[in-house]
Amino acid sequence: VKKVRETFPPKHMEVSRSLTNYGRILIAMGKPAQAEPLLREAVEIARGVFAKDNWRPAESQVFLGAALAQQGRADEAARFLREGLREMNAVL
């Protein structure tokens, strides 16, 4: 992530992709609390690039939902998971 941040502007889609991928790794390692802020930032950046109905922000949202679910925050997780799935279904 550090190298990507040094290479691209702060709100570039490659930064979002890198944050999402790192967040996924942290979730897989059982570190959802560490993944959450990275995934929130990834969603924010991706939403700035793709305003509506694109799989990139939806992907980040789904992983954010997974991170929240792993932390036992089911209600908050469900919102991100549902919206991400709806958006992915709409465009894929």
PDB file of N, CA and C in Angstrom:
ATOM      1  N   VAL A   1       0.832  -1.183   0.000  1.00  0.00           N
ATOM      2  CA  VAL A   1       0.000   0.000   0.000  1.00  0.00           C
ATOM      3  C   VAL A   1       0.880   1.251   0.000  1.00  0.00           C
ATOM      4  N   LYS A   2       1.939   1.227   0.768  1.00  0.00           N
ATOM      5  CA  LYS A   2       2.812   2.397   0.858  1.00  0.00           C
ATOM      6  C   LYS A   2       3.356   2.789  -0.512  1.00  0.00           C
ATOM      7  N   LYS A   3       3.833   1.823  -1.259  1.00  0.00           N
ATOM      8  CA  LYS A   3       4.404   2.097  -2.578  1.00  0.00           C
ATOM      9  C   LYS A   3       3.339   2.642  -3.529  1.00  0.00           C
ATOM     10  N   VAL A   4       2.148   2.090  -3.467  1.00  0.00           N
ATOM     11  CA  VAL A   4       1.055   2.558  -4.314  1.00  0.00           C
ATOM     12  C   VAL A   4       0.710   4.002  -3.951  1.00  0.00           C
ATOM     13  N   ARG A   5       0.663   4.301  -2.670  1.00  0.00           N
ATOM     14  CA  ARG A   5       0.373   5.677  -2.238  1.00  0.00           C
ATOM     15  C   ARG A   5       1.444   6.651  -2.713  1.00  0.00           C
ATOM     16  N   GLU A   6       2.681   6.185  -2.776  1.00  0.00           N
ATOM     17  CA  GLU A   6       3.774   7.039  -3.255  1.00  0.00           C
ATOM     18  C   GLU A   6       3.705   7.247  -4.769  1.00  0.00           C
ATOM     19  N   THR A   7       3.116   6.287  -5.482  1.00  0.00           N
ATOM     20  CA  THR A   7       3.099   6.319  -6.941  1.00  0.00           C
ATOM     21  C   THR A   7       1.906   7.064  -7.514  1.00  0.00           C
ATOM     22  N   PHE A   8       0.735   6.921  -6.876  1.00  0.00           N
ATOM     23  CA  PHE A   8      -0.502   7.466  -7.423  1.00  0.00           C
ATOM     24  C   PHE A   8      -1.051   8.594  -6.551  1.00  0.00           C
ATOM     25  N   PRO A   9      -1.893   9.461  -7.144  1.00  0.00           N
ATOM     26  CA  PRO A   9      -2.563  10.488  -6.347  1.00  0.00           C
ATOM     27  C   PRO A   9      -3.452   9.839  -5.278  1.00  0.00           C
ATOM     28  N   PRO A  10      -3.749  10.560  -4.192  1.00  0.00           N
ATOM     29  CA  PRO A  10      -4.479   9.970  -3.066  1.00  0.00           C
ATOM     30  C   PRO A  10      -5.836   9.366  -3.415  1.00  0.00           C
ATOM     31  N   LYS A  11      -6.547   9.914  -4.359  1.00  0.00           N
ATOM     32  CA  LYS A  11      -7.897   9.426  -4.678  1.00  0.00           C
ATOM     33  C   LYS A  11      -7.921   8.604  -5.964  1.00  0.00           C
ATOM     34  N   HIS A  12      -6.803   8.006  -6.308  1.00  0.00           N
ATOM     35  CA  HIS A  12      -6.699   7.194  -7.527  1.00  0.00           C
ATOM     36  C   HIS A  12      -7.267   5.796  -7.277  1.00  0.00           C
ATOM     37  N   MET A  13      -7.872   5.224  -8.299  1.00  0.00           N
ATOM     38  CA  MET A  13      -8.467   3.896  -8.182  1.00  0.00           C
ATOM     39  C   MET A  13      -7.446   2.824  -7.797  1.00  0.00           C
ATOM     40  N   GLU A  14      -6.199   2.983  -8.189  1.00  0.00           N
ATOM     41  CA  GLU A  14      -5.172   2.000  -7.810  1.00  0.00           C
ATOM     42  C   GLU A  14      -4.938   2.002  -6.301  1.00  0.00           C
ATOM     43  N   VAL A  15      -5.105   3.146  -5.669  1.00  0.00           N
ATOM     44  CA  VAL A  15      -4.995   3.206  -4.206  1.00  0.00           C
ATOM     45  C   VAL A  15      -6.151   2.415  -3.591  1.00  0.00           C
ATOM     46  N   SER A  16      -7.346   2.619  -4.123  1.00  0.00           N
ATOM     47  CA  SER A  16      -8.507   1.866  -3.635  1.00  0.00           C
ATOM     48  C   SER A  16      -8.305   0.362  -3.814  1.00  0.00           C
ATOM     49  N   ARG A  17      -7.841  -0.041  -4.979  1.00  0.00           N
ATOM     50  CA  ARG A  17      -7.596  -1.476  -5.231  1.00  0.00           C
ATOM     51  C   ARG A  17      -6.596  -2.046  -4.243  1.00  0.00           C
ATOM     52  N   SER A  18      -5.523  -1.307  -4.007  1.00  0.00           N
ATOM     53  CA  SER A  18      -4.486  -1.764  -3.086  1.00  0.00           C
ATOM     54  C   SER A  18      -5.034  -1.891  -1.662  1.00  0.00           C
ATOM     55  N   LEU A  19      -5.817  -0.901  -1.238  1.00  0.00           N
ATOM     56  CA  LEU A  19      -6.420  -0.952   0.097  1.00  0.00           C
ATOM     57  C   LEU A  19      -7.387  -2.125   0.228  1.00  0.00           C
ATOM     58  N   THR A  20      -8.172  -2.358  -0.813  1.00  0.00           N
ATOM     59  CA  THR A  20      -9.109  -3.481  -0.795  1.00  0.00           C
ATOM     60  C   THR A  20      -8.356  -4.805  -0.697  1.00  0.00           C
ATOM     61  N   ASN A  21      -7.330  -4.955  -1.488  1.00  0.00           N
ATOM     62  CA  ASN A  21      -6.557  -6.209  -1.456  1.00  0.00           C
ATOM     63  C   ASN A  21      -5.890  -6.425  -0.101  1.00  0.00           C
ATOM     64  N   TYR A  22      -5.335  -5.372   0.460  1.00  0.00           N
ATOM     65  CA  TYR A  22      -4.710  -5.495   1.773  1.00  0.00           C
ATOM     66  C   TYR A  22      -5.764  -5.801   2.835  1.00  0.00           C
ATOM     67  N   GLY A  23      -6.912  -5.154   2.731  1.00  0.00           N
ATOM     68  CA  GLY A  23      -8.007  -5.437   3.653  1.00  0.00           C
ATOM     69  C   GLY A  23      -8.440  -6.894   3.590  1.00  0.00           C
ATOM     70  N   ARG A  24      -8.520  -7.433   2.379  1.00  0.00           N
ATOM     71  CA  ARG A  24      -8.879  -8.846   2.201  1.00  0.00           C
ATOM     72  C   ARG A  24      -7.879  -9.754   2.911  1.00  0.00           C
ATOM     73  N   ILE A  25      -6.615  -9.425   2.788  1.00  0.00           N
ATOM     74  CA  ILE A  25      -5.568 -10.222   3.433  1.00  0.00           C
ATOM     75  C   ILE A  25      -5.723 -10.166   4.951  1.00  0.00           C
ATOM     76  N   LEU A  26      -5.954  -8.966   5.474  1.00  0.00           N
ATOM     77  CA  LEU A  26      -6.125  -8.826   6.920  1.00  0.00           C
ATOM     78  C   LEU A  26      -7.343  -9.605   7.421  1.00  0.00           C
ATOM     79  N   ILE A  27      -8.435  -9.583   6.658  1.00  0.00           N
ATOM     80  CA  ILE A  27      -9.613 -10.376   7.033  1.00  0.00           C
ATOM     81  C   ILE A  27      -9.247 -11.856   7.083  1.00  0.00           C
ATOM     82  N   ALA A  28      -8.550 -12.327   6.068  1.00  0.00           N
ATOM     83  CA  ALA A  28      -8.153 -13.738   6.010  1.00  0.00           C
ATOM     84  C   ALA A  28      -7.222 -14.110   7.165  1.00  0.00           C
ATOM     85  N   MET A  29      -6.468 -13.136   7.650  1.00  0.00           N
ATOM     86  CA  MET A  29      -5.558 -13.374   8.768  1.00  0.00           C
ATOM     87  C   MET A  29      -6.258 -13.225  10.118  1.00  0.00           C
ATOM     88  N   GLY A  30      -7.570 -12.947  10.085  1.00  0.00           N
ATOM     89  CA  GLY A  30      -8.310 -12.790  11.328  1.00  0.00           C
ATOM     90  C   GLY A  30      -8.097 -11.443  11.997  1.00  0.00           C
ATOM     91  N   LYS A  31      -7.814 -10.412  11.201  1.00  0.00           N
ATOM     92  CA  LYS A  31      -7.580  -9.072  11.731  1.00  0.00           C
ATOM     93  C   LYS A  31      -8.578  -8.077  11.133  1.00  0.00           C
ATOM     94  N   PRO A  32      -9.881  -8.314  11.354  1.00  0.00           N
ATOM     95  CA  PRO A  32     -10.884  -7.460  10.731  1.00  0.00           C
ATOM     96  C   PRO A  32     -10.886  -6.022  11.226  1.00  0.00           C
ATOM     97  N   ALA A  33     -10.500  -5.803  12.463  1.00  0.00           N
ATOM     98  CA  ALA A  33     -10.471  -4.432  12.984  1.00  0.00           C
ATOM     99  C   ALA A  33      -9.407  -3.602  12.268  1.00  0.00           C
ATOM    100  N   GLN A  34      -8.298  -4.235  11.906  1.00  0.00           N
ATOM    101  CA  GLN A  34      -7.262  -3.541  11.146  1.00  0.00           C
ATOM    102  C   GLN A  34      -7.710  -3.307   9.706  1.00  0.00           C
ATOM    103  N   ALA A  35      -8.497  -4.217   9.166  1.00  0.00           N
ATOM    104  CA  ALA A  35      -8.960  -4.100   7.786  1.00  0.00           C
ATOM    105  C   ALA A  35     -10.016  -3.009   7.624  1.00  0.00           C
ATOM    106  N   GLU A  36     -10.821  -2.813   8.645  1.00  0.00           N
ATOM    107  CA  GLU A  36     -11.974  -1.905   8.523  1.00  0.00           C
ATOM    108  C   GLU A  36     -11.621  -0.501   8.026  1.00  0.00           C
ATOM    109  N   PRO A  37     -10.685   0.227   8.646  1.00  0.00           N
ATOM    110  CA  PRO A  37     -10.426   1.590   8.161  1.00  0.00           C
ATOM    111  C   PRO A  37      -9.867   1.617   6.737  1.00  0.00           C
ATOM    112  N   LEU A  38      -9.085   0.605   6.392  1.00  0.00           N
ATOM    113  CA  LEU A  38      -8.548   0.532   5.024  1.00  0.00           C
ATOM    114  C   LEU A  38      -9.675   0.336   4.020  1.00  0.00           C
ATOM    115  N   LEU A  39     -10.610  -0.535   4.360  1.00  0.00           N
ATOM    116  CA  LEU A  39     -11.730  -0.812   3.464  1.00  0.00           C
ATOM    117  C   LEU A  39     -12.696   0.366   3.394  1.00  0.00           C
ATOM    118  N   ARG A  40     -12.875   1.071   4.479  1.00  0.00           N
ATOM    119  CA  ARG A  40     -13.713   2.287   4.437  1.00  0.00           C
ATOM    120  C   ARG A  40     -13.096   3.312   3.483  1.00  0.00           C
ATOM    121  N   GLU A  41     -11.795   3.474   3.565  1.00  0.00           N
ATOM    122  CA  GLU A  41     -11.108   4.396   2.659  1.00  0.00           C
ATOM    123  C   GLU A  41     -11.215   3.915   1.218  1.00  0.00           C
ATOM    124  N   ALA A  42     -11.077   2.624   1.007  1.00  0.00           N
ATOM    125  CA  ALA A  42     -11.191   2.064  -0.343  1.00  0.00           C
ATOM    126  C   ALA A  42     -12.564   2.336  -0.945  1.00  0.00           C
ATOM    127  N   VAL A  43     -13.604   2.154  -0.140  1.00  0.00           N
ATOM    128  CA  VAL A  43     -14.972   2.424  -0.606  1.00  0.00           C
ATOM    129  C   VAL A  43     -15.113   3.899  -0.966  1.00  0.00           C
ATOM    130  N   GLU A  44     -14.623   4.762  -0.102  1.00  0.00           N
ATOM    131  CA  GLU A  44     -14.733   6.205  -0.337  1.00  0.00           C
ATOM    132  C   GLU A  44     -14.042   6.612  -1.642  1.00  0.00           C
ATOM    133  N   ILE A  45     -12.843   6.111  -1.853  1.00  0.00           N
ATOM    134  CA  ILE A  45     -12.117   6.440  -3.082  1.00  0.00           C
ATOM    135  C   ILE A  45     -12.846   5.891  -4.294  1.00  0.00           C
ATOM    136  N   ALA A  46     -13.237   4.624  -4.237  1.00  0.00           N
ATOM    137  CA  ALA A  46     -13.914   3.998  -5.372  1.00  0.00           C
ATOM    138  C   ALA A  46     -15.226   4.705  -5.701  1.00  0.00           C
ATOM    139  N   ARG A  47     -15.959   5.147  -4.680  1.00  0.00           N
ATOM    140  CA  ARG A  47     -17.206   5.889  -4.901  1.00  0.00           C
ATOM    141  C   ARG A  47     -16.926   7.226  -5.584  1.00  0.00           C
ATOM    142  N   GLY A  48     -15.802   7.820  -5.283  1.00  0.00           N
ATOM    143  CA  GLY A  48     -15.425   9.069  -5.945  1.00  0.00           C
ATOM    144  C   GLY A  48     -15.099   8.878  -7.404  1.00  0.00           C
ATOM    145  N   VAL A  49     -14.555   7.726  -7.736  1.00  0.00           N
ATOM    146  CA  VAL A  49     -14.201   7.417  -9.123  1.00  0.00           C
ATOM    147  C   VAL A  49     -15.417   6.905  -9.889  1.00  0.00           C
ATOM    148  N   PHE A  50     -16.167   5.995  -9.280  1.00  0.00           N
ATOM    149  CA  PHE A  50     -17.350   5.383  -9.895  1.00  0.00           C
ATOM    150  C   PHE A  50     -18.558   5.700  -9.019  1.00  0.00           C
ATOM    151  N   ALA A  51     -19.318   6.683  -9.406  1.00  0.00           N
ATOM    152  CA  ALA A  51     -20.411   7.165  -8.563  1.00  0.00           C
ATOM    153  C   ALA A  51     -21.475   6.110  -8.279  1.00  0.00           C
ATOM    154  N   LYS A  52     -21.862   5.313  -9.269  1.00  0.00           N
ATOM    155  CA  LYS A  52     -22.977   4.395  -9.062  1.00  0.00           C
ATOM    156  C   LYS A  52     -22.835   3.154  -9.930  1.00  0.00           C
ATOM    157  N   ASP A  53     -23.296   2.047  -9.367  1.00  0.00           N
ATOM    158  CA  ASP A  53     -23.374   0.774 -10.068  1.00  0.00           C
ATOM    159  C   ASP A  53     -22.105   0.407 -10.846  1.00  0.00           C
ATOM    160  N   ASN A  54     -21.062   0.158 -10.083  1.00  0.00           N
ATOM    161  CA  ASN A  54     -19.811  -0.350 -10.619  1.00  0.00           C
ATOM    162  C   ASN A  54     -19.315  -1.413  -9.644  1.00  0.00           C
ATOM    163  N   TRP A  55     -18.698  -2.453 -10.171  1.00  0.00           N
ATOM    164  CA  TRP A  55     -18.297  -3.558  -9.311  1.00  0.00           C
ATOM    165  C   TRP A  55     -17.130  -3.220  -8.390  1.00  0.00           C
ATOM    166  N   ARG A  56     -16.318  -2.227  -8.736  1.00  0.00           N
ATOM    167  CA  ARG A  56     -15.157  -1.913  -7.888  1.00  0.00           C
ATOM    168  C   ARG A  56     -15.566  -1.401  -6.505  1.00  0.00           C
ATOM    169  N   PRO A  57     -16.415  -0.368  -6.417  1.00  0.00           N
ATOM    170  CA  PRO A  57     -16.829   0.038  -5.072  1.00  0.00           C
ATOM    171  C   PRO A  57     -17.638  -1.048  -4.373  1.00  0.00           C
ATOM    172  N   ALA A  58     -18.417  -1.791  -5.144  1.00  0.00           N
ATOM    173  CA  ALA A  58     -19.219  -2.866  -4.554  1.00  0.00           C
ATOM    174  C   ALA A  58     -18.317  -3.931  -3.932  1.00  0.00           C
ATOM    175  N   GLU A  59     -17.233  -4.256  -4.620  1.00  0.00           N
ATOM    176  CA  GLU A  59     -16.289  -5.241  -4.082  1.00  0.00           C
ATOM    177  C   GLU A  59     -15.729  -4.767  -2.740  1.00  0.00           C
ATOM    178  N   SER A  60     -15.320  -3.512  -2.690  1.00  0.00           N
ATOM    179  CA  SER A  60     -14.783  -2.971  -1.441  1.00  0.00           C
ATOM    180  C   SER A  60     -15.838  -2.988  -0.348  1.00  0.00           C
ATOM    181  N   GLN A  61     -17.089  -2.676  -0.698  1.00  0.00           N
ATOM    182  CA  GLN A  61     -18.179  -2.690   0.278  1.00  0.00           C
ATOM    183  C   GLN A  61     -18.410  -4.084   0.838  1.00  0.00           C
ATOM    184  N   VAL A  62     -18.358  -5.085  -0.007  1.00  0.00           N
ATOM    185  CA  VAL A  62     -18.580  -6.455   0.448  1.00  0.00           C
ATOM    186  C   VAL A  62     -17.488  -6.863   1.442  1.00  0.00           C
ATOM    187  N   PHE A  63     -16.257  -6.517   1.153  1.00  0.00           N
ATOM    188  CA  PHE A  63     -15.188  -6.864   2.095  1.00  0.00           C
ATOM    189  C   PHE A  63     -15.288  -6.049   3.374  1.00  0.00           C
ATOM    190  N   LEU A  64     -15.735  -4.797   3.280  1.00  0.00           N
ATOM    191  CA  LEU A  64     -15.983  -4.018   4.489  1.00  0.00           C
ATOM    192  C   LEU A  64     -17.068  -4.692   5.323  1.00  0.00           C
ATOM    193  N   GLY A  65     -18.113  -5.148   4.677  1.00  0.00           N
ATOM    194  CA  GLY A  65     -19.165  -5.882   5.380  1.00  0.00           C
ATOM    195  C   GLY A  65     -18.623  -7.125   6.058  1.00  0.00           C
ATOM    196  N   ALA A  66     -17.736  -7.831   5.386  1.00  0.00           N
ATOM    197  CA  ALA A  66     -17.134  -9.034   5.974  1.00  0.00           C
ATOM    198  C   ALA A  66     -16.297  -8.680   7.206  1.00  0.00           C
ATOM    199  N   ALA A  67     -15.547  -7.595   7.116  1.00  0.00           N
ATOM    200  CA  ALA A  67     -14.733  -7.170   8.262  1.00  0.00           C
ATOM    201  C   ALA A  67     -15.625  -6.814   9.454  1.00  0.00           C
ATOM    202  N   LEU A  68     -16.715  -6.129   9.186  1.00  0.00           N
ATOM    203  CA  LEU A  68     -17.646  -5.768  10.259  1.00  0.00           C
ATOM    204  C   LEU A  68     -18.315  -7.008  10.842  1.00  0.00           C
ATOM    205  N   ALA A  69     -18.697  -7.939   9.988  1.00  0.00           N
ATOM    206  CA  ALA A  69     -19.324  -9.181  10.460  1.00  0.00           C
ATOM    207  C   ALA A  69     -18.379  -9.955  11.364  1.00  0.00           C
ATOM    208  N   GLN A  70     -17.108 -10.028  10.980  1.00  0.00           N
ATOM    209  CA  GLN A  70     -16.132 -10.749  11.802  1.00  0.00           C
ATOM    210  C   GLN A  70     -15.933 -10.092  13.163  1.00  0.00           C
ATOM    211  N   GLN A  71     -16.265  -8.803  13.239  1.00  0.00           N
ATOM    212  CA  GLN A  71     -16.156  -8.095  14.513  1.00  0.00           C
ATOM    213  C   GLN A  71     -17.448  -8.187  15.327  1.00  0.00           C
ATOM    214  N   GLY A  72     -18.434  -8.931  14.808  1.00  0.00           N
ATOM    215  CA  GLY A  72     -19.690  -9.093  15.519  1.00  0.00           C
ATOM    216  C   GLY A  72     -20.653  -7.934  15.340  1.00  0.00           C
ATOM    217  N   ARG A  73     -20.437  -7.109  14.343  1.00  0.00           N
ATOM    218  CA  ARG A  73     -21.272  -5.940  14.084  1.00  0.00           C
ATOM    219  C   ARG A  73     -22.241  -6.258  12.939  1.00  0.00           C
ATOM    220  N   ALA A  74     -23.128  -7.193  13.201  1.00  0.00           N
ATOM    221  CA  ALA A  74     -23.987  -7.781  12.171  1.00  0.00           C
ATOM    222  C   ALA A  74     -24.893  -6.774  11.479  1.00  0.00           C
ATOM    223  N   ASP A  75     -25.526  -5.883  12.211  1.00  0.00           N
ATOM    224  CA  ASP A  75     -26.445  -4.932  11.586  1.00  0.00           C
ATOM    225  C   ASP A  75     -25.723  -4.014  10.609  1.00  0.00           C
ATOM    226  N   GLU A  76     -24.593  -3.485  11.040  1.00  0.00           N
ATOM    227  CA  GLU A  76     -23.806  -2.609  10.176  1.00  0.00           C
ATOM    228  C   GLU A  76     -23.253  -3.391   8.980  1.00  0.00           C
ATOM    229  N   ALA A  77     -22.796  -4.609   9.239  1.00  0.00           N
ATOM    230  CA  ALA A  77     -22.257  -5.456   8.174  1.00  0.00           C
ATOM    231  C   ALA A  77     -23.314  -5.755   7.123  1.00  0.00           C
ATOM    232  N   ALA A  78     -24.514  -6.064   7.564  1.00  0.00           N
ATOM    233  CA  ALA A  78     -25.592  -6.429   6.638  1.00  0.00           C
ATOM    234  C   ALA A  78     -25.872  -5.324   5.643  1.00  0.00           C
ATOM    235  N   ARG A  79     -25.822  -4.085   6.092  1.00  0.00           N
ATOM    236  CA  ARG A  79     -26.073  -2.952   5.193  1.00  0.00           C
ATOM    237  C   ARG A  79     -25.055  -2.924   4.058  1.00  0.00           C
ATOM    238  N   PHE A  80     -23.779  -3.073   4.378  1.00  0.00           N
ATOM    239  CA  PHE A  80     -22.738  -3.049   3.359  1.00  0.00           C
ATOM    240  C   PHE A  80     -22.797  -4.284   2.467  1.00  0.00           C
ATOM    241  N   LEU A  81     -23.056  -5.432   3.077  1.00  0.00           N
ATOM    242  CA  LEU A  81     -23.135  -6.669   2.301  1.00  0.00           C
ATOM    243  C   LEU A  81     -24.308  -6.644   1.318  1.00  0.00           C
ATOM    244  N   ARG A  82     -25.470  -6.224   1.787  1.00  0.00           N
ATOM    245  CA  ARG A  82     -26.655  -6.166   0.910  1.00  0.00           C
ATOM    246  C   ARG A  82     -26.453  -5.198  -0.246  1.00  0.00           C
ATOM    247  N   GLU A  83     -25.968  -3.991   0.074  1.00  0.00           N
ATOM    248  CA  GLU A  83     -25.794  -2.987  -0.975  1.00  0.00           C
ATOM    249  C   GLU A  83     -24.707  -3.415  -1.964  1.00  0.00           C
ATOM    250  N   GLY A  84     -23.628  -3.966  -1.465  1.00  0.00           N
ATOM    251  CA  GLY A  84     -22.566  -4.438  -2.358  1.00  0.00           C
ATOM    252  C   GLY A  84     -23.053  -5.548  -3.266  1.00  0.00           C
ATOM    253  N   LEU A  85     -23.796  -6.496  -2.712  1.00  0.00           N
ATOM    254  CA  LEU A  85     -24.329  -7.596  -3.520  1.00  0.00           C
ATOM    255  C   LEU A  85     -25.329  -7.085  -4.547  1.00  0.00           C
ATOM    256  N   ARG A  86     -26.196  -6.157  -4.136  1.00  0.00           N
ATOM    257  CA  ARG A  86     -27.165  -5.593  -5.070  1.00  0.00           C
ATOM    258  C   ARG A  86     -26.460  -4.930  -6.252  1.00  0.00           C
ATOM    259  N   GLU A  87     -25.429  -4.171  -5.928  1.00  0.00           N
ATOM    260  CA  GLU A  87     -24.696  -3.458  -6.973  1.00  0.00           C
ATOM    261  C   GLU A  87     -23.942  -4.427  -7.886  1.00  0.00           C
ATOM    262  N   MET A  88     -23.315  -5.434  -7.305  1.00  0.00           N
ATOM    263  CA  MET A  88     -22.608  -6.426  -8.132  1.00  0.00           C
ATOM    264  C   MET A  88     -23.582  -7.142  -9.058  1.00  0.00           C
ATOM    265  N   ASN A  89     -24.730  -7.532  -8.522  1.00  0.00           N
ATOM    266  CA  ASN A  89     -25.736  -8.199  -9.354  1.00  0.00           C
ATOM    267  C   ASN A  89     -26.225  -7.298 -10.487  1.00  0.00           C
ATOM    268  N   ALA A  90     -26.278  -6.012 -10.240  1.00  0.00           N
ATOM    269  CA  ALA A  90     -26.766  -5.070 -11.250  1.00  0.00           C
ATOM    270  C   ALA A  90     -25.770  -4.910 -12.414  1.00  0.00           C
ATOM    271  N   VAL A  91     -24.488  -5.081 -12.130  1.00  0.00           N
ATOM    272  CA  VAL A  91     -23.501  -4.785 -13.174  1.00  0.00           C
ATOM    273  C   VAL A  91     -22.709  -5.991 -13.689  1.00  0.00           C
ATOM    274  N   LEU A  92     -22.746  -7.099 -12.982  1.00  0.00           N
ATOM    275  CA  LEU A  92     -21.962  -8.258 -13.432  1.00  0.00           C
ATOM    276  C   LEU A  92     -22.859  -9.317 -14.070  1.00  0.00           C
TER     277      LEU A  92
END
